[in-house]
């Protein structure tokens, strides 16, 4: 209710980052739709992983699944 906007508006992402007291650029947003999720993350200033193997873009990193995302983020 505090946001009342849909992605790609970054309000929801920024609301969560603020509630967690974490700077947006220290968050990583994981989504499955580049045209919406990656755009919202870009507008929020967050790095973004998209569950879209084989696709690539300069504004987000493709990952095949959550195991690959975990390995990428935590080694």
Protein backbone atom coordinates (compact mmCIF):
# COMPACT_ATOMS: atom_id res chain seq x y z
CA UNK A 1 0.00 0.00 0.00
CA UNK A 2 2.90 2.40 0.61
CA UNK A 3 4.07 2.13 -3.00
CA UNK A 4 0.97 1.97 -5.23
CA UNK A 5 3.03 1.80 -8.41
CA UNK A 6 3.95 -0.98 -10.79
CA UNK A 7 7.37 -1.81 -12.17
CA UNK A 8 9.24 -0.49 -14.04
CA UNK A 9 8.64 2.38 -11.63
CA UNK A 10 11.42 1.90 -9.05
CA UNK A 11 9.32 3.02 -6.06
CA UNK A 12 8.79 -0.51 -4.71
CA UNK A 13 12.46 -1.43 -4.92
CA UNK A 14 13.50 1.83 -3.29
CA UNK A 15 10.86 1.40 -0.57
CA UNK A 16 12.25 -2.03 0.37
CA UNK A 17 15.86 -0.82 0.31
CA UNK A 18 14.94 2.10 2.55
CA UNK A 19 13.01 -0.18 4.95
CA UNK A 20 16.06 -2.46 5.16
CA UNK A 21 18.32 0.58 5.59
CA UNK A 22 20.48 -0.55 2.69
CA UNK A 23 21.64 1.79 -0.09
CA UNK A 24 20.05 0.88 -3.42
CA UNK A 25 23.43 0.31 -5.04
CA UNK A 26 24.26 -2.27 -2.35
CA UNK A 27 21.18 -4.35 -3.23
CA UNK A 28 20.83 -6.90 -6.02
CA UNK A 29 17.44 -7.28 -7.65
CA UNK A 30 16.62 -10.69 -9.14
CA UNK A 31 13.80 -10.86 -11.66
CA UNK A 32 12.60 -12.77 -14.68
CA UNK A 33 11.49 -10.04 -17.07
CA UNK A 34 14.22 -7.81 -18.42
CA UNK A 35 11.84 -5.29 -19.92
CA UNK A 36 10.21 -4.67 -16.52
CA UNK A 37 12.46 -5.95 -13.74
CA UNK A 38 15.79 -4.86 -15.18
CA UNK A 39 14.37 -1.46 -16.06
CA UNK A 40 13.02 -0.97 -12.52
CA UNK A 41 16.41 -1.95 -11.08
CA UNK A 42 18.22 0.40 -13.47
CA UNK A 43 15.97 3.28 -12.46
CA UNK A 44 16.56 2.44 -8.78
CA UNK A 45 20.33 2.27 -9.26
CA UNK A 46 20.47 -1.43 -8.33
CA UNK A 47 22.46 -4.17 -10.00
CA UNK A 48 20.16 -6.76 -11.52
CA UNK A 49 20.20 -10.48 -12.30
CA UNK A 50 17.61 -11.79 -14.74
CA UNK A 51 16.61 -15.46 -14.84
CA UNK A 52 16.99 -15.63 -18.60
CA UNK A 53 19.76 -17.98 -19.72
CA UNK A 54 21.29 -17.16 -23.04
CA UNK A 55 20.16 -13.55 -23.12
CA UNK A 56 22.44 -10.65 -22.32
CA UNK A 57 22.31 -6.91 -21.96
CA UNK A 58 24.66 -4.28 -20.64
CA UNK A 59 22.27 -3.28 -17.83
CA UNK A 60 21.75 -6.75 -16.29
CA UNK A 61 23.40 -10.13 -15.88
CA UNK A 62 21.67 -13.29 -17.11
CA UNK A 63 21.53 -16.33 -14.81
CA UNK A 64 20.07 -19.77 -15.51
CA UNK A 65 18.61 -20.36 -12.05
CA UNK A 66 18.86 -19.42 -8.38
CA UNK A 67 21.80 -21.77 -7.84
CA UNK A 68 23.79 -19.84 -10.43
CA UNK A 69 22.66 -16.54 -8.87
CA UNK A 70 23.81 -17.73 -5.43
CA UNK A 71 27.18 -18.83 -6.81
CA UNK A 72 27.62 -15.51 -8.60
CA UNK A 73 26.75 -13.49 -5.50
CA UNK A 74 28.45 -15.56 -2.80
CA UNK A 75 31.13 -17.53 -4.61
